[in-house]
Amino acid sequence: MKKLASEFIGTFCLVFAGTGAIITNDVSGGAVTHVGVALTFGLIVLAMIYALGDISGAHFNPAVTLGFWAARRLKSRLVLPYIASQVGKKAVLNAVRQNADARIGRVEVAEKLRGVGD
């Protein structure tokens, strides 16, 4: 169970931080830049590997899970649960987004982020 929770948390953090950087870059008129977005993805993967790698192997992506399985480094019985925990983050991300939309509203967030980098 710890392995699946680790995959879920790692994948959630990766998608949350990475897409957050993309949206912030778009809304702020390019203040983050492509390099900043790339660094965000790279650093969050690094942090999640250090934090969770010993627990689950830090796959965080169904393609990586399938690669580990194909190389016989992951047991067949774990493939579907790993993929389910990696894909299951979508429901949680949607709930977080809807909660943020309801509390702040997209227009206010966009207006606040437009001032970034000024």
C-alpha atoms as a PDB file:
ATOM      1  CA  MET A   1       0.000   0.000   0.000  1.00  0.00           C
ATOM      2  CA  LYS A   2       2.900   2.380   0.734  1.00  0.00           C
ATOM      3  CA  LYS A   3       4.200   1.833  -2.791  1.00  0.00           C
ATOM      4  CA  LEU A   4       0.882   2.825  -4.357  1.00  0.00           C
ATOM      5  CA  ALA A   5       0.494   5.857  -2.112  1.00  0.00           C
ATOM      6  CA  SER A   6       4.042   6.872  -2.987  1.00  0.00           C
ATOM      7  CA  GLU A   7       3.319   6.635  -6.724  1.00  0.00           C
ATOM      8  CA  PHE A   8       0.096   8.615  -6.282  1.00  0.00           C
ATOM      9  CA  ILE A   9       1.758  11.397  -4.290  1.00  0.00           C
ATOM     10  CA  GLY A  10       4.757  11.616  -6.614  1.00  0.00           C
ATOM     11  CA  THR A  11       2.637  11.732  -9.760  1.00  0.00           C
ATOM     12  CA  PHE A  12       0.272  14.272  -8.201  1.00  0.00           C
ATOM     13  CA  CYS A  13       3.149  16.568  -7.228  1.00  0.00           C
ATOM     14  CA  LEU A  14       4.733  16.270 -10.659  1.00  0.00           C
ATOM     15  CA  VAL A  15       1.545  17.157 -12.512  1.00  0.00           C
ATOM     16  CA  PHE A  16       0.486  19.850 -10.026  1.00  0.00           C
ATOM     17  CA  ALA A  17       3.825  21.689 -10.034  1.00  0.00           C
ATOM     18  CA  GLY A  18       4.555  21.212 -13.724  1.00  0.00           C
ATOM     19  CA  THR A  19       1.200  22.322 -15.051  1.00  0.00           C
ATOM     20  CA  GLY A  20       1.137  25.095 -12.479  1.00  0.00           C
ATOM     21  CA  ALA A  21       4.382  26.423 -13.938  1.00  0.00           C
ATOM     22  CA  ILE A  22       2.951  26.223 -17.460  1.00  0.00           C
ATOM     23  CA  ILE A  23      -0.223  28.079 -16.480  1.00  0.00           C
ATOM     24  CA  THR A  24       1.707  30.692 -14.509  1.00  0.00           C
ATOM     25  CA  ASN A  25       3.989  31.234 -17.491  1.00  0.00           C
ATOM     26  CA  ASP A  26       1.016  31.638 -19.825  1.00  0.00           C
ATOM     27  CA  VAL A  27      -0.996  33.943 -17.585  1.00  0.00           C
ATOM     28  CA  SER A  28       1.997  36.105 -16.669  1.00  0.00           C
ATOM     29  CA  GLY A  29       2.992  36.697 -20.264  1.00  0.00           C
ATOM     30  CA  GLY A  30       6.075  34.482 -20.212  1.00  0.00           C
ATOM     31  CA  ALA A  31       7.591  35.492 -16.860  1.00  0.00           C
ATOM     32  CA  VAL A  32       8.525  31.903 -16.029  1.00  0.00           C
ATOM     33  CA  THR A  33       9.927  31.102 -19.518  1.00  0.00           C
ATOM     34  CA  HIS A  34      10.418  27.700 -21.098  1.00  0.00           C
ATOM     35  CA  VAL A  35      13.573  27.201 -19.082  1.00  0.00           C
ATOM     36  CA  GLY A  36      11.665  27.861 -15.871  1.00  0.00           C
ATOM     37  CA  VAL A  37       8.973  25.363 -16.812  1.00  0.00           C
ATOM     38  CA  ALA A  38      11.618  22.759 -17.669  1.00  0.00           C
ATOM     39  CA  LEU A  39      13.420  23.418 -14.376  1.00  0.00           C
ATOM     40  CA  THR A  40      10.140  23.064 -12.499  1.00  0.00           C
ATOM     41  CA  PHE A  41       9.504  19.644 -14.006  1.00  0.00           C
ATOM     42  CA  GLY A  42      13.100  18.540 -13.482  1.00  0.00           C
ATOM     43  CA  LEU A  43      13.361  19.735  -9.903  1.00  0.00           C
ATOM     44  CA  ILE A  44      10.031  18.240  -8.855  1.00  0.00           C
ATOM     45  CA  VAL A  45      11.054  14.882 -10.346  1.00  0.00           C
ATOM     46  CA  LEU A  46      14.374  15.164  -8.484  1.00  0.00           C
ATOM     47  CA  ALA A  47      12.635  16.002  -5.206  1.00  0.00           C
ATOM     48  CA  MET A  48      10.114  13.172  -5.594  1.00  0.00           C
ATOM     49  CA  ILE A  49      12.831  10.639  -6.439  1.00  0.00           C
ATOM     50  CA  TYR A  50      14.768  11.632  -3.322  1.00  0.00           C
ATOM     51  CA  ALA A  51      11.642  11.657  -1.164  1.00  0.00           C
ATOM     52  CA  LEU A  52       9.817   8.600  -2.487  1.00  0.00           C
ATOM     53  CA  GLY A  53      12.249   6.609  -4.614  1.00  0.00           C
ATOM     54  CA  ASP A  54      13.171   4.147  -1.877  1.00  0.00           C
ATOM     55  CA  ILE A  55       9.521   3.321  -1.316  1.00  0.00           C
ATOM     56  CA  SER A  56       8.166   2.691  -4.799  1.00  0.00           C
ATOM     57  CA  GLY A  57      10.977   3.078  -7.300  1.00  0.00           C
ATOM     58  CA  ALA A  58       9.686   6.532  -8.326  1.00  0.00           C
ATOM     59  CA  HIS A  59       8.093   5.626 -11.646  1.00  0.00           C
ATOM     60  CA  PHE A  60       5.466   8.445 -11.636  1.00  0.00           C
ATOM     61  CA  ASN A  61       4.470   7.593 -15.216  1.00  0.00           C
ATOM     62  CA  PRO A  62       2.648   4.569 -16.654  1.00  0.00           C
ATOM     63  CA  ALA A  63       5.177   4.364 -19.503  1.00  0.00           C
ATOM     64  CA  VAL A  64       8.025   4.028 -17.003  1.00  0.00           C
ATOM     65  CA  THR A  65       6.056   1.396 -15.096  1.00  0.00           C
ATOM     66  CA  LEU A  66       5.566  -0.586 -18.305  1.00  0.00           C
ATOM     67  CA  GLY A  67       9.259  -0.208 -19.089  1.00  0.00           C
ATOM     68  CA  PHE A  68      10.232  -1.582 -15.688  1.00  0.00           C
ATOM     69  CA  TRP A  69       7.794  -4.464 -16.202  1.00  0.00           C
ATOM     70  CA  ALA A  70       9.166  -5.208 -19.692  1.00  0.00           C
ATOM     71  CA  ALA A  71      12.692  -5.253 -18.267  1.00  0.00           C
ATOM     72  CA  ARG A  72      11.435  -7.651 -15.562  1.00  0.00           C
ATOM     73  CA  ARG A  73      12.263  -5.237 -12.776  1.00  0.00           C
ATOM     74  CA  LEU A  74       8.633  -4.973 -11.623  1.00  0.00           C
ATOM     75  CA  LYS A  75       6.371  -7.884 -10.754  1.00  0.00           C
ATOM     76  CA  SER A  76       3.378  -8.396 -13.052  1.00  0.00           C
ATOM     77  CA  ARG A  77       0.938  -8.233 -10.136  1.00  0.00           C
ATOM     78  CA  LEU A  78       2.043  -4.655  -9.380  1.00  0.00           C
ATOM     79  CA  VAL A  79       1.683  -3.198 -12.895  1.00  0.00           C
ATOM     80  CA  LEU A  80      -2.059  -2.489 -12.847  1.00  0.00           C
ATOM     81  CA  PRO A  81      -2.144  -1.119  -9.276  1.00  0.00           C
ATOM     82  CA  TYR A  82       0.825   1.170 -10.062  1.00  0.00           C
ATOM     83  CA  ILE A  83      -0.824   2.473 -13.224  1.00  0.00           C
ATOM     84  CA  ALA A  84      -4.144   2.946 -11.404  1.00  0.00           C
ATOM     85  CA  SER A  85      -2.459   4.992  -8.668  1.00  0.00           C
ATOM     86  CA  GLN A  86      -0.622   7.097 -11.259  1.00  0.00           C
ATOM     87  CA  VAL A  87      -3.762   7.782 -13.282  1.00  0.00           C
ATOM     88  CA  GLY A  88      -6.018   8.185 -10.226  1.00  0.00           C
ATOM     89  CA  LYS A  89      -4.450  11.548  -9.430  1.00  0.00           C
ATOM     90  CA  LYS A  90      -6.627  13.101 -12.146  1.00  0.00           C
ATOM     91  CA  ALA A  91      -9.735  12.990  -9.955  1.00  0.00           C
ATOM     92  CA  VAL A  92      -7.892  14.677  -7.089  1.00  0.00           C
ATOM     93  CA  LEU A  93      -6.409  17.334  -9.376  1.00  0.00           C
ATOM     94  CA  ASN A  94      -9.885  18.089 -10.733  1.00  0.00           C
ATOM     95  CA  ALA A  95     -11.220  18.485  -7.190  1.00  0.00           C
ATOM     96  CA  VAL A  96      -8.353  20.851  -6.294  1.00  0.00           C
ATOM     97  CA  ARG A  97      -8.928  22.894  -9.447  1.00  0.00           C
ATOM     98  CA  GLN A  98     -12.677  23.137  -8.894  1.00  0.00           C
ATOM     99  CA  ASN A  99     -12.133  24.168  -5.282  1.00  0.00           C
ATOM    100  CA  ALA A 100      -9.690  26.880  -6.348  1.00  0.00           C
ATOM    101  CA  ASP A 101     -12.076  28.080  -9.052  1.00  0.00           C
ATOM    102  CA  ALA A 102     -14.935  28.269  -6.564  1.00  0.00           C
ATOM    103  CA  ARG A 103     -12.905  30.142  -3.945  1.00  0.00           C
ATOM    104  CA  ILE A 104     -10.971  32.607  -6.022  1.00  0.00           C
ATOM    105  CA  GLY A 105     -12.344  32.552  -9.516  1.00  0.00           C
ATOM    106  CA  ARG A 106     -10.240  32.265 -12.639  1.00  0.00           C
ATOM    107  CA  VAL A 107     -10.385  35.972 -13.463  1.00  0.00           C
ATOM    108  CA  GLU A 108      -8.972  37.049 -10.102  1.00  0.00           C
ATOM    109  CA  VAL A 109      -6.139  34.512 -10.336  1.00  0.00           C
ATOM    110  CA  ALA A 110      -5.295  35.701 -13.829  1.00  0.00           C
ATOM    111  CA  GLU A 111      -5.308  39.333 -12.700  1.00  0.00           C
ATOM    112  CA  LYS A 112      -3.017  38.565  -9.748  1.00  0.00           C
ATOM    113  CA  LEU A 113      -0.589  36.607 -11.907  1.00  0.00           C
ATOM    114  CA  ARG A 114      -0.407  39.292 -14.572  1.00  0.00           C
ATOM    115  CA  GLY A 115       1.542  41.392 -12.104  1.00  0.00           C
ATOM    116  CA  VAL A 116       4.234  38.687 -11.765  1.00  0.00           C
ATOM    117  CA  GLY A 117       7.543  39.892 -13.142  1.00  0.00           C
ATOM    118  CA  ASP A 118       6.544  43.573 -13.303  1.00  0.00           C
END
